[in-house]
Structure formats: structure tokens, C-alpha cells
PDB file of N, CA and C in Angstrom:
ATOM      1  N   UNK A   1       0.846  -1.174   0.000  1.00  0.00           N
ATOM      2  CA  UNK A   1       0.000   0.000   0.000  1.00  0.00           C
ATOM      3  C   UNK A   1       0.896   1.242   0.000  1.00  0.00           C
ATOM      4  N   UNK A   2       0.512   2.215  -0.764  1.00  0.00           N
ATOM      5  CA  UNK A   2       1.320   3.423  -0.815  1.00  0.00           C
ATOM      6  C   UNK A   2       1.079   4.271   0.436  1.00  0.00           C
ATOM      7  N   UNK A   3       1.981   5.175   0.662  1.00  0.00           N
ATOM      8  CA  UNK A   3       1.927   6.033   1.848  1.00  0.00           C
ATOM      9  C   UNK A   3       0.667   6.899   1.849  1.00  0.00           C
ATOM     10  N   UNK A   4       0.280   7.426   0.708  1.00  0.00           N
ATOM     11  CA  UNK A   4      -0.897   8.299   0.642  1.00  0.00           C
ATOM     12  C   UNK A   4      -2.174   7.527   0.943  1.00  0.00           C
ATOM     13  N   UNK A   5      -2.301   6.334   0.434  1.00  0.00           N
ATOM     14  CA  UNK A   5      -3.506   5.528   0.672  1.00  0.00           C
ATOM     15  C   UNK A   5      -3.582   5.128   2.142  1.00  0.00           C
ATOM     16  N   UNK A   6      -2.440   4.760   2.716  1.00  0.00           N
ATOM     17  CA  UNK A   6      -2.421   4.370   4.120  1.00  0.00           C
ATOM     18  C   UNK A   6      -2.779   5.570   5.009  1.00  0.00           C
ATOM     19  N   UNK A   7      -2.255   6.739   4.689  1.00  0.00           N
ATOM     20  CA  UNK A   7      -2.578   7.938   5.467  1.00  0.00           C
ATOM     21  C   UNK A   7      -4.058   8.282   5.346  1.00  0.00           C
ATOM     22  N   UNK A   8      -4.609   8.164   4.156  1.00  0.00           N
ATOM     23  CA  UNK A   8      -6.027   8.432   3.950  1.00  0.00           C
ATOM     24  C   UNK A   8      -6.886   7.454   4.741  1.00  0.00           C
ATOM     25  N   UNK A   9      -6.496   6.206   4.767  1.00  0.00           N
ATOM     26  CA  UNK A   9      -7.225   5.188   5.523  1.00  0.00           C
ATOM     27  C   UNK A   9      -7.193   5.504   7.020  1.00  0.00           C
ATOM     28  N   UNK A  10      -6.030   5.876   7.554  1.00  0.00           N
ATOM     29  CA  UNK A  10      -5.933   6.256   8.959  1.00  0.00           C
ATOM     30  C   UNK A  10      -6.798   7.480   9.271  1.00  0.00           C
ATOM     31  N   UNK A  11      -6.784   8.454   8.384  1.00  0.00           N
ATOM     32  CA  UNK A  11      -7.577   9.667   8.601  1.00  0.00           C
ATOM     33  C   UNK A  11      -9.069   9.364   8.594  1.00  0.00           C
ATOM     34  N   UNK A  12      -9.518   8.537   7.666  1.00  0.00           N
ATOM     35  CA  UNK A  12     -10.936   8.190   7.583  1.00  0.00           C
ATOM     36  C   UNK A  12     -11.368   7.422   8.828  1.00  0.00           C
ATOM     37  N   UNK A  13     -10.539   6.499   9.307  1.00  0.00           N
ATOM     38  CA  UNK A  13     -10.915   5.754  10.516  1.00  0.00           C
ATOM     39  C   UNK A  13     -10.906   6.667  11.741  1.00  0.00           C
ATOM     40  N   UNK A  14      -9.989   7.640  11.786  1.00  0.00           N
ATOM     41  CA  UNK A  14      -9.976   8.583  12.903  1.00  0.00           C
ATOM     42  C   UNK A  14     -11.243   9.433  12.910  1.00  0.00           C
ATOM     43  N   UNK A  15     -11.634   9.941  11.753  1.00  0.00           N
ATOM     44  CA  UNK A  15     -12.843  10.763  11.673  1.00  0.00           C
ATOM     45  C   UNK A  15     -14.067   9.934  12.039  1.00  0.00           C
ATOM     46  N   UNK A  16     -14.135   8.703  11.565  1.00  0.00           N
ATOM     47  CA  UNK A  16     -15.269   7.830  11.879  1.00  0.00           C
ATOM     48  C   UNK A  16     -15.337   7.545  13.378  1.00  0.00           C
ATOM     49  N   UNK A  17     -14.180   7.306  14.014  1.00  0.00           N
ATOM     50  CA  UNK A  17     -14.190   7.027  15.448  1.00  0.00           C
ATOM     51  C   UNK A  17     -14.570   8.276  16.250  1.00  0.00           C
ATOM     52  N   UNK A  18     -14.148   9.459  15.788  1.00  0.00           N
ATOM     53  CA  UNK A  18     -14.522  10.693  16.477  1.00  0.00           C
ATOM     54  C   UNK A  18     -16.020  10.930  16.379  1.00  0.00           C
ATOM     55  N   UNK A  19     -16.597  10.698  15.220  1.00  0.00           N
ATOM     56  CA  UNK A  19     -18.038  10.874  15.046  1.00  0.00           C
ATOM     57  C   UNK A  19     -18.798   9.860  15.894  1.00  0.00           C
ATOM     58  N   UNK A  20     -18.345   8.619  15.921  1.00  0.00           N
ATOM     59  CA  UNK A  20     -18.987   7.583  16.738  1.00  0.00           C
ATOM     60  C   UNK A  20     -18.898   7.933  18.221  1.00  0.00           C
ATOM     61  N   UNK A  21     -17.752   8.396  18.660  1.00  0.00           N
ATOM     62  CA  UNK A  21     -17.572   8.763  20.063  1.00  0.00           C
ATOM     63  C   UNK A  21     -18.512   9.912  20.441  1.00  0.00           C
ATOM     64  N   UNK A  22     -18.607  10.901  19.580  1.00  0.00           N
ATOM     65  CA  UNK A  22     -19.478  12.041  19.855  1.00  0.00           C
ATOM     66  C   UNK A  22     -20.940  11.614  19.883  1.00  0.00           C
ATOM     67  N   UNK A  23     -21.325  10.710  19.004  1.00  0.00           N
ATOM     68  CA  UNK A  23     -22.716  10.267  18.934  1.00  0.00           C
ATOM     69  C   UNK A  23     -23.095   9.387  20.120  1.00  0.00           C
ATOM     70  N   UNK A  24     -22.155   8.626  20.641  1.00  0.00           N
ATOM     71  CA  UNK A  24     -22.467   7.685  21.720  1.00  0.00           C
ATOM     72  C   UNK A  24     -22.320   8.306  23.102  1.00  0.00           C
ATOM     73  N   UNK A  25     -21.634   9.430  23.231  1.00  0.00           N
ATOM     74  CA  UNK A  25     -21.441  10.063  24.525  1.00  0.00           C
ATOM     75  C   UNK A  25     -22.762  10.656  25.005  1.00  0.00           C
ATOM     76  N   UNK A  26     -23.149  10.338  26.236  1.00  0.00           N
ATOM     77  CA  UNK A  26     -24.434  10.865  26.728  1.00  0.00           C
ATOM     78  C   UNK A  26     -24.341  12.367  26.955  1.00  0.00           C
ATOM     79  N   UNK A  27     -25.462  13.043  26.725  1.00  0.00           N
ATOM     80  CA  UNK A  27     -25.520  14.471  26.960  1.00  0.00           C
ATOM     81  C   UNK A  27     -25.779  14.711  28.442  1.00  0.00           C
ATOM     82  N   UNK A  28     -25.140  15.731  28.973  1.00  0.00           N
ATOM     83  CA  UNK A  28     -25.302  16.045  30.379  1.00  0.00           C
ATOM     84  C   UNK A  28     -26.435  17.036  30.553  1.00  0.00           C
ATOM     85  N   UNK A  29     -27.300  16.733  31.486  1.00  0.00           N
ATOM     86  CA  UNK A  29     -28.378  17.634  31.842  1.00  0.00           C
ATOM     87  C   UNK A  29     -27.974  18.334  33.127  1.00  0.00           C
ATOM     88  N   UNK A  30     -27.846  19.635  33.081  1.00  0.00           N
ATOM     89  CA  UNK A  30     -27.341  20.380  34.234  1.00  0.00           C
ATOM     90  C   UNK A  30     -28.251  20.250  35.448  1.00  0.00           C
ATOM     91  N   UNK A  31     -29.526  20.035  35.246  1.00  0.00           N
ATOM     92  CA  UNK A  31     -30.448  19.945  36.372  1.00  0.00           C
ATOM     93  C   UNK A  31     -30.311  18.608  37.091  1.00  0.00           C
ATOM     94  N   UNK A  32     -30.050  17.548  36.356  1.00  0.00           N
ATOM     95  CA  UNK A  32     -30.012  16.216  36.947  1.00  0.00           C
ATOM     96  C   UNK A  32     -28.597  15.743  37.269  1.00  0.00           C
ATOM     97  N   UNK A  33     -27.590  16.475  36.891  1.00  0.00           N
ATOM     98  CA  UNK A  33     -26.219  16.042  37.105  1.00  0.00           C
ATOM     99  C   UNK A  33     -25.736  16.552  38.454  1.00  0.00           C
ATOM    100  N   UNK A  34     -25.657  15.660  39.414  1.00  0.00           N
ATOM    101  CA  UNK A  34     -25.233  16.054  40.757  1.00  0.00           C
ATOM    102  C   UNK A  34     -23.730  15.906  40.941  1.00  0.00           C
ATOM    103  N   UNK A  35     -23.029  15.355  39.957  1.00  0.00           N
ATOM    104  CA  UNK A  35     -21.590  15.181  40.071  1.00  0.00           C
ATOM    105  C   UNK A  35     -20.818  16.408  39.597  1.00  0.00           C
ATOM    106  N   UNK A  36     -21.506  17.388  39.077  1.00  0.00           N
ATOM    107  CA  UNK A  36     -20.814  18.564  38.573  1.00  0.00           C
ATOM    108  C   UNK A  36     -20.419  19.470  39.740  1.00  0.00           C
ATOM    109  N   UNK A  37     -19.288  20.090  39.582  1.00  0.00           N
ATOM    110  CA  UNK A  37     -18.791  20.988  40.626  1.00  0.00           C
ATOM    111  C   UNK A  37     -19.361  22.377  40.401  1.00  0.00           C
ATOM    112  N   UNK A  38     -19.707  23.011  41.478  1.00  0.00           N
ATOM    113  CA  UNK A  38     -20.221  24.372  41.406  1.00  0.00           C
ATOM    114  C   UNK A  38     -19.333  25.269  42.255  1.00  0.00           C
ATOM    115  N   UNK A  39     -19.110  26.451  41.761  1.00  0.00           N
ATOM    116  CA  UNK A  39     -18.312  27.423  42.492  1.00  0.00           C
ATOM    117  C   UNK A  39     -19.260  28.475  43.057  1.00  0.00           C
ATOM    118  N   UNK A  40     -19.189  28.650  44.333  1.00  0.00           N
ATOM    119  CA  UNK A  40     -20.032  29.629  45.000  1.00  0.00           C
ATOM    120  C   UNK A  40     -19.130  30.769  45.443  1.00  0.00           C
ATOM    121  N   UNK A  41     -19.468  31.960  45.032  1.00  0.00           N
ATOM    122  CA  UNK A  41     -18.660  33.126  45.377  1.00  0.00           C
ATOM    123  C   UNK A  41     -19.353  33.883  46.497  1.00  0.00           C
ATOM    124  N   UNK A  42     -18.634  34.038  47.579  1.00  0.00           N
ATOM    125  CA  UNK A  42     -19.174  34.759  48.729  1.00  0.00           C
ATOM    126  C   UNK A  42     -18.556  36.146  48.779  1.00  0.00           C
ATOM    127  N   UNK A  43     -19.381  37.117  49.009  1.00  0.00           N
ATOM    128  CA  UNK A  43     -18.887  38.473  49.142  1.00  0.00           C
ATOM    129  C   UNK A  43     -19.224  38.964  50.538  1.00  0.00           C
ATOM    130  N   UNK A  44     -18.189  39.376  51.241  1.00  0.00           N
ATOM    131  CA  UNK A  44     -18.412  39.858  52.594  1.00  0.00           C
ATOM    132  C   UNK A  44     -17.324  40.846  52.960  1.00  0.00           C
ATOM    133  N   UNK A  45     -17.703  41.880  53.668  1.00  0.00           N
ATOM    134  CA  UNK A  45     -16.738  42.847  54.164  1.00  0.00           C
ATOM    135  C   UNK A  45     -16.106  42.366  55.460  1.00  0.00           C
ATOM    136  N   UNK A  46     -16.672  41.338  56.061  1.00  0.00           N
ATOM    137  CA  UNK A  46     -16.174  40.834  57.334  1.00  0.00           C
ATOM    138  C   UNK A  46     -14.970  39.917  57.177  1.00  0.00           C
ATOM    139  N   UNK A  47     -14.581  39.587  55.974  1.00  0.00           N
ATOM    140  CA  UNK A  47     -13.489  38.646  55.761  1.00  0.00           C
ATOM    141  C   UNK A  47     -12.131  39.320  55.621  1.00  0.00           C
ATOM    142  N   UNK A  48     -12.062  40.619  55.769  1.00  0.00           N
ATOM    143  CA  UNK A  48     -10.805  41.343  55.630  1.00  0.00           C
ATOM    144  C   UNK A  48     -10.043  41.272  56.955  1.00  0.00           C
ATOM    145  N   UNK A  49      -9.374  40.173  57.186  1.00  0.00           N
ATOM    146  CA  UNK A  49      -8.712  39.902  58.466  1.00  0.00           C
ATOM    147  C   UNK A  49      -7.509  40.813  58.664  1.00  0.00           C
ATOM    148  N   UNK A  50      -6.781  41.110  57.589  1.00  0.00           N
ATOM    149  CA  UNK A  50      -5.585  41.939  57.720  1.00  0.00           C
ATOM    150  C   UNK A  50      -5.913  43.330  58.265  1.00  0.00           C
ATOM    151  N   UNK A  51      -6.986  43.928  57.775  1.00  0.00           N
ATOM    152  CA  UNK A  51      -7.336  45.261  58.274  1.00  0.00           C
ATOM    153  C   UNK A  51      -7.802  45.186  59.721  1.00  0.00           C
ATOM    154  N   UNK A  52      -8.485  44.119  60.098  1.00  0.00           N
ATOM    155  CA  UNK A  52      -8.921  43.979  61.491  1.00  0.00           C
ATOM    156  C   UNK A  52      -7.732  43.809  62.423  1.00  0.00           C
ATOM    157  N   UNK A  53      -6.729  43.053  61.983  1.00  0.00           N
ATOM    158  CA  UNK A  53      -5.534  42.866  62.807  1.00  0.00           C
ATOM    159  C   UNK A  53      -4.787  44.187  62.939  1.00  0.00           C
ATOM    160  N   UNK A  54      -4.719  44.953  61.850  1.00  0.00           N
ATOM    161  CA  UNK A  54      -4.046  46.251  61.898  1.00  0.00           C
ATOM    162  C   UNK A  54      -4.762  47.191  62.862  1.00  0.00           C
ATOM    163  N   UNK A  55      -6.086  47.199  62.847  1.00  0.00           N
ATOM    164  CA  UNK A  55      -6.841  48.039  63.772  1.00  0.00           C
ATOM    165  C   UNK A  55      -6.631  47.588  65.209  1.00  0.00           C
ATOM    166  N   UNK A  56      -6.584  46.281  65.420  1.00  0.00           N
ATOM    167  CA  UNK A  56      -6.363  45.747  66.765  1.00  0.00           C
ATOM    168  C   UNK A  56      -4.971  46.108  67.262  1.00  0.00           C
ATOM    169  N   UNK A  57      -3.976  46.056  66.399  1.00  0.00           N
ATOM    170  CA  UNK A  57      -2.628  46.446  66.774  1.00  0.00           C
ATOM    171  C   UNK A  57      -2.570  47.911  67.179  1.00  0.00           C
ATOM    172  N   UNK A  58      -3.275  48.771  66.450  1.00  0.00           N
ATOM    173  CA  UNK A  58      -3.302  50.188  66.782  1.00  0.00           C
ATOM    174  C   UNK A  58      -3.954  50.426  68.139  1.00  0.00           C
ATOM    175  N   UNK A  59      -4.985  49.678  68.435  1.00  0.00           N
ATOM    176  CA  UNK A  59      -5.691  49.821  69.712  1.00  0.00           C
ATOM    177  C   UNK A  59      -4.802  49.352  70.855  1.00  0.00           C
ATOM    178  N   UNK A  60      -4.072  48.273  70.651  1.00  0.00           N
ATOM    179  CA  UNK A  60      -3.244  47.713  71.707  1.00  0.00           C
ATOM    180  C   UNK A  60      -1.989  48.538  71.961  1.00  0.00           C
ATOM    181  N   UNK A  61      -1.582  49.384  71.038  1.00  0.00           N
ATOM    182  CA  UNK A  61      -0.366  50.188  71.235  1.00  0.00           C
ATOM    183  C   UNK A  61      -0.558  51.311  72.172  1.00  0.00           C
TER     184      UNK A  61
END
């Protein structure tokens, strides 16, 4: 087999396997998927520990 035919055969099988993989992979439903990670962002002014320590140091001096 020539190099071009062999390369074409490999490319066609790769494309076919990619299409098959995409077609067989289950779709994820965000509502029913409990294994997905969620990032929760908390906003609070009370978490600024460095400024509180600085104020406490000033008071103690």
C-alpha cells in the first residue's frame, strides 16, 4: 500500500471514530447532574482579616 492511501485510511478511521464517540457520549443535563462541581462566590466585608488585625494592633499600642 502506498503512503498516501495508508494515510487516507488512517484519517478516515480517525474521523469515523470521532463521530462515533461524539454520537455515543451521553448528553449532560445540568439539572439532573449532581456530580458537577459548582463554584459559590461569597462576598463579605467581614473577611478582611488583615485590616482587622491592623486596627487591633493600633488599639493595643
